[in-house]
Amino acid sequence: MANVADFFIETLKRAGIDRIWGLPGDSLNAFTDALRRDSGIRWMHMRHEEAAAFAAGADAELTGELAVVAGSCGPGNLHFINGLFDANRTRVPVLAIASHIPSAEIGTGYFQETHPQELFRECSVYSELVSDPAQLPWVLEIAMRTAVEKRGVAVIVVPGDVFFADAPSRRPTAAIRATRSTVLPDDAGLQAAAELLNGAKKVTILAGAGVAGAHDEVVALAAKLQAPIVHALRGKEHIEWENPYDVGMTGLLGYASGYRAMEKCDALLMLGTDFPYRQFFPEKATIVQVDIRGEQLGRRTPIDLGLVGGVRETAVALAPLIDEGRSSSFVDDAVEHYRKTRKGLDELAVDDGKQPVHPQYVARLLDELASEDAVFTADVGSPVIWAARYLTMNGSRRLLGSFLHGSMANAMPQALGAQASDRDRQVIALAGDGGLAMLMGDLLSIHQNRLPVKIVVFNNSSLNFVELEMKAAGIVNFGTGLENPSFAAVAESVGITGIRVEKASDLRAALVQALATDGPVLVDVVVAREELSMPPTITAAQMKGFTVWALKTVLSGRGDELLDLADTNVWRRLFS
């Protein structure tokens, strides 16, 4: 007779699941044994549960479908928590199966005891303990439906002994897939938005991840409004391509043109964005916000009007209400400023003959050489800055990262998840040396799962973005230096092709070789540690902090850092 674990597997198969990420353990034995006996779902064995959760999140983000991760009791599934936080904040559907200690021991302080349903509550849209096999059909279906409908993490906690129990009798449910709905603000709300926008001379659009699938409609609305389009980082892949109104990014990773277009507008139209940095919003502009989730409205900046609706359908309904014949002077000026800013950025991404390699040059060459439908993942820290500024999206490329949760070590395991969803697609991880080292054990998972990912390591022997934050705060760098191995040699030792690059003149050939190689490759690029990644605007406090840092550095006997900083940056002009 089938047991609970068999029931689990059969339900997942009907939902279209063909792979599960995870790490086995005693309390999960019945589940993994059911996988073995069924053989219809592939077990994606990982070396660390955190990496498994990151991989599942990327898998779900790329496919838009439910991904599954499974782990054993106590410290096993507890390792999921960082990757699950990231998936939940990114709003991708993931089912986490967290096995538990024996039912009779719960509450006794038993070996490895935790309370997973409580631990995962904050990073999930659903979390429940199955203590009786009769619960399972209902809890499993509710969990899966909640994950796909709310686009988040659902956690099912199952004691190891319950997996072995006889499966409950229940008619099989239909395959669980996300429904599709159209959400449109009412006529009065649309008319109110149009009146506010028509009454403004200089309108700017801020586009976030919610513009996915609405590229043409948002561009058409910008044409009616004669509005420059600024994107948040998560909006980059969805709106910057084939967009004559694009003026780039704003925020800590952005650049001057995006910041300026928002600062100088008298009306800001926020479309599907949860952009978190309040200091980059205009102080005096009228603000209209559109979001599919009403609870998001006004939580980042005071707004004058909030509309609940999908971006695509709202843009279509709003465009006819916008007055014809609006002046193009504001958008023309913003676009011209963007061209100058873009030119300044591109002039920094070159081989100037100096060593070590400028990280901008690495990102620009990757952009040039990567395929038209490449998937990029980027580590939090300096790699995501260079990805945001130098990778070009085109409607087919994807850019994944820990853009809301902001976790280190995301790029490599997310690349695994992306690659597993399509083994023929080019997947490139832009990894920091600190990030890669944090979960470096899962380089073994790349080889074991036969995933042909390409990893480019920005090796600056430091926690580079942390150092920049210290400089801005006037703090002497401390605790940020990294004594790294040759990551290329490490890769070779685990069956991955490794290439080491120390000179810019060798970089192009190395990247061409890596991208042409059939199988996984790691390119270890030694890049400049003292490269400055300037935000679009610098506050007086930051300028003061940088000056204080310089004085403290000299007084502490580390003036050579200032010389390195000058040598790396002084020749490169600052742009405004």
Protein backbone atom coordinates (compact mmCIF):
# COMPACT_ATOMS: atom_id res chain seq x y z
CA MET A 1 0.00 0.00 0.00
CA ALA A 2 1.20 3.52 -0.78
CA ASN A 3 2.45 5.60 2.13
CA VAL A 4 2.31 9.34 2.81
CA ALA A 5 5.63 9.89 1.01
CA ASP A 6 4.25 8.15 -2.10
CA PHE A 7 1.16 10.37 -1.94
CA PHE A 8 3.44 13.41 -1.78
CA ILE A 9 5.39 12.35 -4.86
CA GLU A 10 2.28 11.56 -6.89
CA THR A 11 0.72 14.93 -6.04
CA LEU A 12 3.89 16.80 -7.00
CA LYS A 13 4.10 14.94 -10.31
CA ARG A 14 0.53 15.92 -11.18
CA ALA A 15 1.51 19.52 -10.50
CA GLY A 16 4.28 19.23 -13.12
CA ILE A 17 7.21 18.99 -10.70
CA ASP A 18 10.11 17.07 -12.27
CA ARG A 19 12.96 18.01 -9.90
CA ILE A 20 13.41 18.63 -6.19
CA TRP A 21 16.35 20.45 -4.62
CA GLY A 22 17.69 19.31 -1.30
CA LEU A 23 19.83 17.25 1.00
CA PRO A 24 18.77 13.86 2.44
CA GLY A 25 18.65 12.94 6.11
CA ASP A 26 17.16 10.34 8.43
CA SER A 27 13.83 12.09 8.98
CA LEU A 28 13.48 12.51 5.20
CA ASN A 29 14.34 8.90 4.36
CA ALA A 30 10.81 7.81 3.51
CA PHE A 31 10.44 10.74 1.14
CA THR A 32 13.74 10.18 -0.70
CA ASP A 33 13.03 6.46 -0.87
CA ALA A 34 9.70 7.20 -2.52
CA LEU A 35 11.57 9.36 -5.03
CA ARG A 36 13.94 6.48 -5.73
CA ARG A 37 11.16 3.97 -6.26
CA ASP A 38 9.11 6.29 -8.45
CA SER A 39 12.02 7.71 -10.51
CA GLY A 40 9.72 10.28 -12.12
CA ILE A 41 11.21 13.25 -10.28
CA ARG A 42 14.92 14.05 -10.31
CA TRP A 43 16.65 14.62 -6.97
CA MET A 44 18.92 17.66 -7.33
CA HIS A 45 21.43 16.85 -4.62
CA MET A 46 23.07 19.90 -3.05
CA ARG A 47 25.83 20.21 -0.44
CA HIS A 48 24.15 22.90 1.65
CA GLU A 49 20.45 23.48 2.25
CA GLU A 50 20.84 27.27 1.91
CA ALA A 51 22.20 26.79 -1.60
CA ALA A 52 19.33 24.40 -2.35
CA ALA A 53 16.79 27.05 -1.34
CA PHE A 54 18.51 29.71 -3.46
CA ALA A 55 18.54 27.31 -6.41
CA ALA A 56 14.85 26.52 -6.01
CA GLY A 57 14.02 30.23 -5.83
CA ALA A 58 15.89 30.94 -9.07
CA ASP A 59 14.29 27.91 -10.70
CA ALA A 60 10.85 29.29 -9.81
CA GLU A 61 11.72 32.82 -10.89
CA LEU A 62 12.93 31.73 -14.30
CA THR A 63 10.06 29.36 -15.08
CA GLY A 64 7.28 31.15 -13.21
CA GLU A 65 6.21 27.72 -11.93
CA LEU A 66 6.33 26.06 -8.52
CA ALA A 67 9.76 24.80 -7.43
CA VAL A 68 10.35 22.38 -4.57
CA VAL A 69 13.07 22.03 -1.94
CA ALA A 70 13.29 19.35 0.76
CA GLY A 71 15.42 18.89 3.84
CA SER A 72 15.74 16.88 7.03
CA CYS A 73 14.79 17.83 10.57
CA GLY A 74 16.32 20.42 12.88
CA PRO A 75 19.54 22.00 11.59
CA GLY A 76 18.94 20.46 8.15
CA ASN A 77 15.89 22.43 7.12
CA LEU A 78 16.90 25.34 9.35
CA HIS A 79 19.63 26.03 6.78
CA PHE A 80 16.87 26.79 4.25
CA ILE A 81 15.91 29.98 5.97
CA ASN A 82 18.10 32.50 4.13
CA GLY A 83 17.25 31.17 0.68
CA LEU A 84 13.57 30.96 1.57
CA PHE A 85 13.57 34.53 2.85
CA ASP A 86 14.99 35.57 -0.51
CA ALA A 87 12.41 33.59 -2.51
CA ASN A 88 9.53 34.92 -0.46
CA ARG A 89 10.65 38.55 -0.76
CA THR A 90 11.23 38.10 -4.50
CA ARG A 91 7.68 36.69 -4.72
CA VAL A 92 8.39 33.41 -6.46
CA PRO A 93 6.44 30.19 -5.76
CA VAL A 94 8.46 27.66 -3.75
CA LEU A 95 7.24 24.66 -1.75
CA ALA A 96 9.57 23.74 1.11
CA ILE A 97 9.21 20.27 2.60
CA ALA A 98 10.70 20.37 6.09
CA SER A 99 10.81 17.00 7.78
CA HIS A 100 10.57 16.89 11.56
CA ILE A 101 11.57 14.77 14.54
CA PRO A 102 9.34 11.78 15.49
CA SER A 103 5.82 12.85 16.38
CA ALA A 104 5.94 11.39 19.87
CA GLU A 105 9.04 13.43 20.73
CA ILE A 106 7.80 16.88 19.69
CA GLY A 107 7.90 19.23 22.63
CA THR A 108 10.40 17.20 24.69
CA GLY A 109 13.62 18.96 23.69
CA TYR A 110 14.52 15.90 21.62
CA PHE A 111 17.73 15.60 19.60
CA GLN A 112 17.74 18.19 16.77
CA GLU A 113 14.32 19.52 17.80
CA THR A 114 13.20 22.86 16.41
CA HIS A 115 9.74 24.15 15.55
CA PRO A 116 9.95 24.64 11.77
CA GLN A 117 6.38 25.83 11.30
CA GLU A 118 7.19 28.75 13.60
CA LEU A 119 10.72 29.38 12.34
CA PHE A 120 9.55 29.74 8.74
CA ARG A 121 6.44 31.77 9.52
CA GLU A 122 8.10 35.12 8.78
CA CYS A 123 9.52 34.03 5.42
CA SER A 124 6.49 32.27 4.00
CA VAL A 125 2.92 32.80 2.88
CA TYR A 126 1.88 29.49 4.43
CA SER A 127 3.50 27.26 7.07
CA GLU A 128 1.82 24.24 8.66
CA LEU A 129 2.62 21.05 10.59
CA VAL A 130 1.12 17.74 9.42
CA SER A 131 0.64 15.64 12.55
CA ASP A 132 -1.94 13.22 11.14
CA PRO A 133 -1.84 11.61 7.66
CA ALA A 134 -5.47 12.60 7.14
CA GLN A 135 -4.37 16.26 7.08
CA LEU A 136 -1.96 15.79 4.24
CA PRO A 137 -4.14 15.99 1.12
CA TRP A 138 -5.68 19.22 2.34
CA VAL A 139 -2.54 20.83 3.72
CA LEU A 140 -0.48 19.91 0.66
CA GLU A 141 -3.05 21.32 -1.75
CA ILE A 142 -3.52 24.49 0.30
CA ALA A 143 0.25 24.97 0.50
CA MET A 144 0.77 24.56 -3.24
CA ARG A 145 -2.15 26.78 -4.16
CA THR A 146 -1.08 29.46 -1.72
CA ALA A 147 2.47 29.42 -3.08
CA VAL A 148 1.39 29.86 -6.70
CA GLU A 149 -1.45 32.31 -6.05
CA LYS A 150 0.33 34.55 -3.53
CA ARG A 151 3.68 33.98 -5.24
CA GLY A 152 5.68 33.07 -2.19
CA VAL A 153 7.06 30.29 -0.06
CA ALA A 154 4.81 27.61 1.42
CA VAL A 155 6.28 25.29 4.06
CA ILE A 156 4.94 21.87 5.01
CA VAL A 157 6.42 20.32 8.15
CA VAL A 158 6.15 16.52 8.30
CA PRO A 159 7.49 14.31 11.12
CA GLY A 160 9.61 11.49 9.75
CA ASP A 161 7.25 8.78 11.06
CA VAL A 162 4.24 10.37 9.33
CA PHE A 163 5.93 9.92 5.95
CA PHE A 164 5.88 6.13 6.58
CA ALA A 165 2.18 6.04 7.51
CA ASP A 166 -0.40 4.68 5.09
CA ALA A 167 -1.53 7.24 2.54
CA PRO A 168 -4.98 8.71 3.13
CA SER A 169 -7.76 7.97 0.66
CA ARG A 170 -8.78 10.97 -1.40
CA ARG A 171 -9.76 11.62 -4.99
CA PRO A 172 -6.74 13.04 -6.84
CA THR A 173 -6.92 16.78 -7.35
CA ALA A 174 -6.38 18.44 -10.70
CA ALA A 175 -2.95 19.78 -11.51
CA ILE A 176 -2.27 22.88 -9.44
CA ARG A 177 -1.30 25.85 -11.57
CA ALA A 178 -1.49 29.59 -10.96
CA THR A 179 -4.66 31.26 -12.20
CA ARG A 180 -4.55 34.35 -14.39
CA SER A 181 -6.68 37.38 -13.60
CA THR A 182 -7.08 40.95 -14.80
CA VAL A 183 -7.15 43.62 -12.10
CA LEU A 184 -8.11 47.14 -13.18
CA PRO A 185 -8.71 50.29 -11.11
CA ASP A 186 -12.22 51.68 -11.34
CA ASP A 187 -13.10 54.51 -13.71
CA ALA A 188 -13.06 57.14 -10.96
CA GLY A 189 -9.53 56.16 -9.92
CA LEU A 190 -8.26 56.20 -13.49
CA GLN A 191 -9.86 59.59 -14.11
CA ALA A 192 -8.30 60.99 -10.92
CA ALA A 193 -4.87 59.71 -11.99
CA ALA A 194 -5.27 61.27 -15.43
CA GLU A 195 -6.21 64.64 -13.93
CA LEU A 196 -3.11 64.67 -11.72
CA LEU A 197 -0.83 63.66 -14.58
CA ASN A 198 -2.43 66.04 -17.09
CA GLY A 199 -1.94 68.86 -14.60
CA ALA A 200 1.82 68.28 -14.43
CA LYS A 201 4.33 69.63 -16.93
CA LYS A 202 7.16 67.21 -16.10
CA VAL A 203 6.13 63.61 -15.46
CA THR A 204 8.60 60.79 -14.73
CA ILE A 205 7.75 57.09 -14.59
CA LEU A 206 9.46 54.81 -12.05
CA ALA A 207 9.16 51.20 -13.23
CA GLY A 208 9.74 48.16 -11.02
CA ALA A 209 9.41 44.41 -11.33
CA GLY A 210 5.65 44.80 -11.71
CA VAL A 211 6.12 46.02 -15.29
CA ALA A 212 7.00 42.45 -16.33
CA GLY A 213 4.89 41.60 -19.36
CA ALA A 214 3.85 45.23 -19.82
CA HIS A 215 6.84 46.63 -21.73
CA ASP A 216 4.99 47.88 -24.79
CA GLU A 217 2.06 49.28 -22.83
CA VAL A 218 4.33 51.23 -20.44
CA VAL A 219 6.41 52.63 -23.31
CA ALA A 220 3.19 53.69 -25.06
CA LEU A 221 2.01 55.42 -21.88
CA ALA A 222 5.38 57.19 -21.60
CA ALA A 223 4.92 58.41 -25.18
CA LYS A 224 1.55 59.95 -24.29
CA LEU A 225 2.97 61.53 -21.13
CA GLN A 226 6.27 62.48 -22.77
CA ALA A 227 7.82 61.02 -19.64
CA PRO A 228 11.30 59.62 -19.07
CA ILE A 229 11.28 56.10 -17.61
CA VAL A 230 13.53 55.41 -14.64
CA HIS A 231 13.81 51.80 -13.56
CA ALA A 232 14.45 50.20 -10.22
CA LEU A 233 16.93 47.32 -10.31
CA ARG A 234 14.26 44.63 -10.55
CA GLY A 235 12.58 46.53 -13.38
CA LYS A 236 15.75 46.62 -15.49
CA GLU A 237 15.21 43.36 -17.37
CA HIS A 238 11.60 44.23 -18.16
CA ILE A 239 11.70 47.83 -19.41
CA GLU A 240 15.10 49.19 -20.46
CA TRP A 241 15.26 47.53 -23.89
CA GLU A 242 13.82 49.10 -27.07
CA ASN A 243 12.74 52.04 -24.97
CA PRO A 244 13.37 55.56 -26.33
CA TYR A 245 12.33 57.02 -22.96
CA ASP A 246 14.78 55.00 -20.86
CA VAL A 247 17.04 57.14 -18.65
CA GLY A 248 18.55 54.39 -16.52
CA MET A 249 18.44 53.53 -12.86
CA THR A 250 18.25 55.44 -9.64
CA GLY A 251 19.07 54.30 -6.10
CA LEU A 252 22.33 53.29 -4.46
CA LEU A 253 23.35 51.24 -7.50
CA GLY A 254 22.03 53.72 -10.05
CA TYR A 255 23.52 56.70 -11.78
CA ALA A 256 23.02 60.39 -12.25
CA SER A 257 20.51 60.46 -15.11
CA GLY A 258 17.94 58.31 -13.32
CA TYR A 259 18.30 60.28 -10.11
CA ARG A 260 18.00 63.60 -11.99
CA ALA A 261 14.85 62.59 -13.91
CA MET A 262 13.08 61.85 -10.63
CA GLU A 263 14.47 64.83 -8.74
CA LYS A 264 13.33 67.34 -11.40
CA CYS A 265 9.84 65.99 -12.13
CA ASP A 266 6.69 67.58 -10.77
CA ALA A 267 4.71 64.32 -11.00
CA LEU A 268 6.00 60.79 -10.46
CA LEU A 269 4.07 57.75 -11.70
CA MET A 270 5.17 54.62 -9.84
CA LEU A 271 4.37 51.42 -11.71
CA GLY A 272 4.75 48.06 -9.98
CA THR A 273 7.65 49.08 -7.79
CA ASP A 274 8.55 48.64 -4.15
CA PHE A 275 11.70 50.78 -4.49
CA PRO A 276 12.84 51.06 -0.85
CA TYR A 277 15.21 54.04 -0.68
CA ARG A 278 13.21 57.03 0.54
CA GLN A 279 16.09 59.47 0.02
CA PHE A 280 15.85 59.04 -3.75
CA PHE A 281 12.18 60.01 -4.06
CA PRO A 282 11.36 63.61 -5.04
CA GLU A 283 10.28 65.73 -2.10
CA LYS A 284 7.76 68.03 -3.79
CA ALA A 285 6.34 66.07 -6.73
CA THR A 286 2.78 64.77 -6.97
CA ILE A 287 2.96 60.97 -6.75
CA VAL A 288 0.60 58.41 -8.27
CA GLN A 289 1.29 54.76 -7.46
CA VAL A 290 -0.05 51.66 -9.22
CA ASP A 291 0.42 48.22 -7.66
CA ILE A 292 -1.38 44.90 -7.79
CA ARG A 293 -1.22 44.72 -3.98
CA GLY A 294 -3.04 47.49 -2.18
CA GLU A 295 -0.97 47.11 0.97
CA GLN A 296 2.08 48.30 -0.97
CA LEU A 297 0.62 51.73 -1.68
CA GLY A 298 2.36 54.61 0.06
CA ARG A 299 4.69 52.51 2.16
CA ARG A 300 7.89 54.01 0.70
CA THR A 301 6.92 57.64 0.15
CA PRO A 302 3.80 59.74 0.69
CA ILE A 303 1.50 59.48 -2.32
CA ASP A 304 -1.32 61.62 -3.65
CA LEU A 305 -3.21 58.76 -5.29
CA GLY A 306 -2.95 55.00 -5.08
CA LEU A 307 -4.47 52.58 -7.58
CA VAL A 308 -4.77 48.81 -7.24
CA GLY A 309 -4.30 47.17 -10.61
CA GLY A 310 -2.03 45.26 -12.91
CA VAL A 311 0.49 47.51 -14.67
CA ARG A 312 -0.33 46.34 -18.19
CA GLU A 313 -4.09 46.75 -18.00
CA THR A 314 -3.83 49.99 -16.02
CA ALA A 315 -1.43 51.50 -18.54
CA VAL A 316 -3.76 50.56 -21.40
CA ALA A 317 -6.77 52.11 -19.64
CA LEU A 318 -4.91 55.24 -18.57
CA ALA A 319 -3.26 56.15 -21.88
CA PRO A 320 -6.44 57.36 -23.68
CA LEU A 321 -7.16 59.71 -20.75
CA ILE A 322 -3.87 61.57 -21.15
CA ASP A 323 -4.05 64.87 -23.06
CA GLU A 324 -2.56 64.99 -26.53
CA GLY A 325 0.15 67.44 -27.55
CA ARG A 326 2.28 67.42 -24.40
CA SER A 327 5.66 69.16 -24.63
CA SER A 328 8.66 66.89 -25.12
CA SER A 329 11.20 69.30 -23.62
CA PHE A 330 11.47 67.50 -20.26
CA VAL A 331 11.88 64.01 -21.69
CA ASP A 332 14.27 65.24 -24.39
CA ASP A 333 16.47 66.85 -21.75
CA ALA A 334 16.38 63.72 -19.56
CA VAL A 335 17.26 61.41 -22.45
CA GLU A 336 20.14 63.65 -23.52
CA HIS A 337 21.45 63.67 -19.96
CA TYR A 338 21.22 59.87 -19.95
CA ARG A 339 23.29 59.68 -23.16
CA LYS A 340 26.03 61.75 -21.52
CA THR A 341 25.86 59.68 -18.35
CA ARG A 342 25.97 56.45 -20.35
CA LYS A 343 29.00 57.71 -22.27
CA GLY A 344 30.75 58.49 -19.00
CA LEU A 345 30.00 55.05 -17.63
CA ASP A 346 31.22 53.33 -20.79
CA GLU A 347 34.48 55.27 -20.68
CA LEU A 348 35.21 53.65 -17.32
CA ALA A 349 34.79 50.10 -18.66
CA VAL A 350 38.02 49.79 -20.62
CA ASP A 351 41.39 48.11 -20.62
CA ASP A 352 43.68 50.99 -19.68
CA GLY A 353 46.75 48.80 -19.50
CA LYS A 354 46.88 48.99 -15.71
CA GLN A 355 46.68 46.10 -13.30
CA PRO A 356 44.59 44.70 -11.77
CA VAL A 357 41.60 44.58 -14.12
CA HIS A 358 38.84 47.18 -13.80
CA PRO A 359 35.65 45.29 -12.82
CA GLN A 360 33.54 47.45 -15.17
CA TYR A 361 35.56 46.05 -18.07
CA VAL A 362 34.73 42.50 -16.99
CA ALA A 363 30.99 43.25 -16.96
CA ARG A 364 31.09 45.10 -20.28
CA LEU A 365 32.89 42.25 -22.04
CA LEU A 366 30.46 39.72 -20.59
CA ASP A 367 27.60 41.81 -21.92
CA GLU A 368 29.22 41.90 -25.35
CA LEU A 369 30.05 38.19 -25.52
CA ALA A 370 27.04 36.58 -23.84
CA SER A 371 24.23 35.07 -25.88
CA GLU A 372 21.07 36.99 -26.72
CA ASP A 373 19.02 34.94 -24.25
CA ALA A 374 21.61 34.56 -21.50
CA VAL A 375 20.58 34.36 -17.87
CA PHE A 376 22.77 36.38 -15.51
CA THR A 377 22.89 36.04 -11.75
CA ALA A 378 24.77 38.61 -9.65
CA ASP A 379 26.08 38.53 -6.11
CA VAL A 380 25.10 41.27 -3.68
CA GLY A 381 27.94 43.77 -3.36
CA SER A 382 30.08 45.15 -6.14
CA PRO A 383 29.12 42.49 -8.77
CA VAL A 384 25.50 43.65 -8.73
CA ILE A 385 26.64 47.25 -9.28
CA TRP A 386 28.52 46.29 -12.43
CA ALA A 387 25.63 44.07 -13.56
CA ALA A 388 23.15 46.90 -13.11
CA ARG A 389 25.30 49.38 -15.01
CA TYR A 390 26.83 47.30 -17.80
CA LEU A 391 24.62 44.32 -18.64
CA THR A 392 22.20 45.09 -21.45
CA MET A 393 18.75 43.57 -21.34
CA ASN A 394 16.89 42.89 -24.58
CA GLY A 395 13.61 41.19 -23.70
CA SER A 396 15.12 37.70 -23.83
CA ARG A 397 17.91 37.98 -21.29
CA ARG A 398 17.23 37.58 -17.59
CA LEU A 399 18.90 39.11 -14.54
CA LEU A 400 18.43 37.38 -11.18
CA GLY A 401 19.81 38.27 -7.78
CA SER A 402 19.03 38.80 -4.14
CA PHE A 403 17.75 42.27 -4.95
CA LEU A 404 15.31 42.61 -2.04
CA HIS A 405 16.74 40.34 0.64
CA GLY A 406 20.29 41.45 -0.12
CA SER A 407 22.03 38.22 0.84
CA MET A 408 25.62 37.35 0.10
CA ALA A 409 26.41 34.13 -1.77
CA ASN A 410 23.31 34.07 -3.96
CA ALA A 411 24.80 34.16 -7.48
CA MET A 412 26.33 30.69 -7.75
CA PRO A 413 23.40 28.66 -6.32
CA GLN A 414 20.88 30.77 -8.24
CA ALA A 415 22.83 29.94 -11.40
CA LEU A 416 22.35 26.25 -10.63
CA GLY A 417 18.59 26.73 -10.31
CA ALA A 418 18.42 28.72 -13.53
CA GLN A 419 20.51 26.17 -15.43
CA ALA A 420 18.45 23.20 -14.24
CA SER A 421 15.32 24.77 -15.75
CA ASP A 422 16.99 24.83 -19.18
CA ARG A 423 20.28 22.99 -19.63
CA ASP A 424 20.80 24.39 -23.12
CA ARG A 425 20.52 28.04 -22.10
CA GLN A 426 23.61 30.07 -21.26
CA VAL A 427 23.73 30.88 -17.55
CA ILE A 428 26.43 33.20 -16.19
CA ALA A 429 27.02 33.97 -12.51
CA LEU A 430 28.77 37.23 -11.62
CA ALA A 431 30.15 36.14 -8.27
CA GLY A 432 32.01 38.08 -5.62
CA ASP A 433 34.98 36.38 -4.03
CA GLY A 434 33.35 36.66 -0.60
CA GLY A 435 30.02 35.40 -1.89
CA LEU A 436 31.48 32.44 -3.75
CA ALA A 437 33.62 31.42 -0.76
CA MET A 438 30.61 31.48 1.56
CA LEU A 439 28.86 28.61 -0.26
CA MET A 440 31.86 27.27 -2.17
CA GLY A 441 31.01 23.68 -1.25
CA ASP A 442 28.24 23.73 -3.83
CA LEU A 443 30.76 23.96 -6.64
CA LEU A 444 30.61 20.20 -6.07
CA SER A 445 26.88 20.29 -6.84
CA ILE A 446 27.57 21.83 -10.24
CA HIS A 447 29.67 18.85 -11.23
CA GLN A 448 27.44 16.24 -9.59
CA ASN A 449 24.27 17.56 -11.25
CA ARG A 450 26.02 18.06 -14.61
CA LEU A 451 25.05 21.73 -14.86
CA PRO A 452 27.09 23.72 -17.44
CA VAL A 453 27.03 27.06 -15.61
CA LYS A 454 29.69 29.71 -16.19
CA ILE A 455 30.95 31.52 -13.09
CA VAL A 456 32.97 34.73 -13.34
CA VAL A 457 34.56 35.66 -10.01
CA PHE A 458 35.29 39.32 -9.28
CA ASN A 459 38.32 38.58 -7.11
CA ASN A 460 39.38 41.75 -5.26
CA SER A 461 40.46 39.99 -2.04
CA SER A 462 37.94 41.95 -0.03
CA LEU A 463 34.36 42.44 1.00
CA ASN A 464 34.44 45.32 -1.41
CA PHE A 465 31.04 46.94 -0.97
CA VAL A 466 31.43 46.80 2.80
CA GLU A 467 34.70 48.69 2.42
CA LEU A 468 32.95 51.35 0.35
CA GLU A 469 30.31 51.71 3.06
CA MET A 470 33.06 52.10 5.66
CA LYS A 471 34.76 54.82 3.60
CA ALA A 472 31.50 56.72 3.24
CA ALA A 473 30.99 56.54 7.01
CA GLY A 474 34.54 57.70 7.77
CA ILE A 475 35.61 54.33 9.17
CA VAL A 476 39.02 52.79 8.53
CA ASN A 477 38.62 49.46 6.75
CA PHE A 478 38.78 46.57 9.19
CA GLY A 479 37.91 42.90 8.93
CA THR A 480 37.16 43.07 5.21
CA GLY A 481 40.33 41.63 3.70
CA LEU A 482 40.13 38.13 2.22
CA GLU A 483 43.07 35.77 1.79
CA ASN A 484 41.80 33.90 -1.25
CA PRO A 485 43.01 30.76 -2.97
CA SER A 486 43.18 30.53 -6.73
CA PHE A 487 39.49 29.94 -7.35
CA ALA A 488 40.42 28.55 -10.78
CA ALA A 489 42.55 25.88 -9.12
CA VAL A 490 39.74 25.08 -6.68
CA ALA A 491 37.36 24.67 -9.61
CA GLU A 492 39.77 22.34 -11.40
CA SER A 493 40.04 20.20 -8.28
CA VAL A 494 36.28 19.47 -8.34
CA GLY A 495 35.95 18.78 -12.05
CA ILE A 496 35.14 22.28 -13.33
CA THR A 497 37.26 24.01 -15.95
CA GLY A 498 39.18 26.81 -14.21
CA ILE A 499 40.73 29.87 -15.87
CA ARG A 500 42.75 32.52 -14.01
CA VAL A 501 42.98 36.07 -15.40
CA GLU A 502 45.35 38.65 -13.92
CA LYS A 503 45.85 40.96 -16.93
CA ALA A 504 43.13 42.83 -18.79
CA SER A 505 44.75 41.94 -22.10
CA ASP A 506 43.98 38.26 -21.39
CA LEU A 507 40.37 38.79 -20.38
CA ARG A 508 38.56 38.66 -23.73
CA ALA A 509 40.19 35.41 -24.79
CA ALA A 510 39.45 33.86 -21.40
CA LEU A 511 35.76 34.78 -21.54
CA VAL A 512 35.42 33.61 -25.14
CA GLN A 513 36.95 30.27 -24.14
CA ALA A 514 34.71 29.97 -21.10
CA LEU A 515 31.49 30.68 -22.96
CA ALA A 516 32.42 28.28 -25.75
CA THR A 517 33.31 25.40 -23.42
CA ASP A 518 30.84 22.54 -23.21
CA GLY A 519 30.37 22.20 -19.47
CA PRO A 520 30.88 24.27 -16.33
CA VAL A 521 33.65 26.87 -16.21
CA LEU A 522 34.93 29.20 -13.51
CA VAL A 523 36.87 32.31 -14.56
CA ASP A 524 38.82 33.82 -11.66
CA VAL A 525 39.47 37.48 -12.53
CA VAL A 526 41.74 39.55 -10.28
CA VAL A 527 40.03 42.96 -10.22
CA ALA A 528 40.88 46.31 -8.66
CA ARG A 529 40.09 46.44 -4.96
CA GLU A 530 40.01 50.24 -4.77
CA GLU A 531 37.52 50.79 -7.61
CA LEU A 532 35.00 53.45 -6.60
CA SER A 533 31.37 52.81 -7.51
CA MET A 534 29.86 56.24 -6.99
CA PRO A 535 26.14 56.56 -6.23
CA PRO A 536 24.10 59.01 -8.36
CA THR A 537 24.22 61.66 -5.66
CA ILE A 538 26.64 62.14 -2.79
CA THR A 539 25.44 63.63 0.47
CA ALA A 540 27.44 66.05 2.54
CA ALA A 541 27.66 63.40 5.25
CA GLN A 542 29.13 60.89 2.80
CA MET A 543 31.66 63.42 1.52
CA LYS A 544 32.64 64.27 5.08
CA GLY A 545 32.88 60.58 5.92
CA PHE A 546 35.15 59.90 2.96
CA THR A 547 37.46 62.74 4.03
CA VAL A 548 37.53 61.46 7.61
CA TRP A 549 38.31 57.96 6.32
CA ALA A 550 41.26 59.31 4.33
CA LEU A 551 42.68 61.14 7.36
CA LYS A 552 42.20 58.17 9.67
CA THR A 553 43.78 55.85 7.12
CA VAL A 554 46.91 57.99 6.86
CA LEU A 555 47.16 58.39 10.64
CA SER A 556 46.82 54.64 11.13
CA GLY A 557 49.85 54.08 8.90
CA ARG A 558 47.90 52.72 5.94
CA GLY A 559 48.44 55.59 3.50
CA ASP A 560 49.26 53.07 0.75
CA GLU A 561 45.50 52.46 0.44
CA LEU A 562 45.06 56.09 -0.58
CA LEU A 563 47.76 55.72 -3.21
CA ASP A 564 46.03 52.61 -4.59
CA LEU A 565 42.72 54.46 -4.61
CA ALA A 566 44.21 57.37 -6.53
CA ASP A 567 46.01 55.10 -8.97
CA THR A 568 42.83 53.18 -9.69
CA ASN A 569 40.42 56.12 -9.99
CA VAL A 570 42.06 59.51 -10.39
CA TRP A 571 42.35 59.32 -14.16
CA ARG A 572 38.68 58.50 -14.55
CA ARG A 573 36.43 61.51 -14.67
CA LEU A 574 33.43 61.84 -12.39
CA PHE A 575 30.17 62.52 -14.19
CA SER A 576 27.07 64.42 -13.15
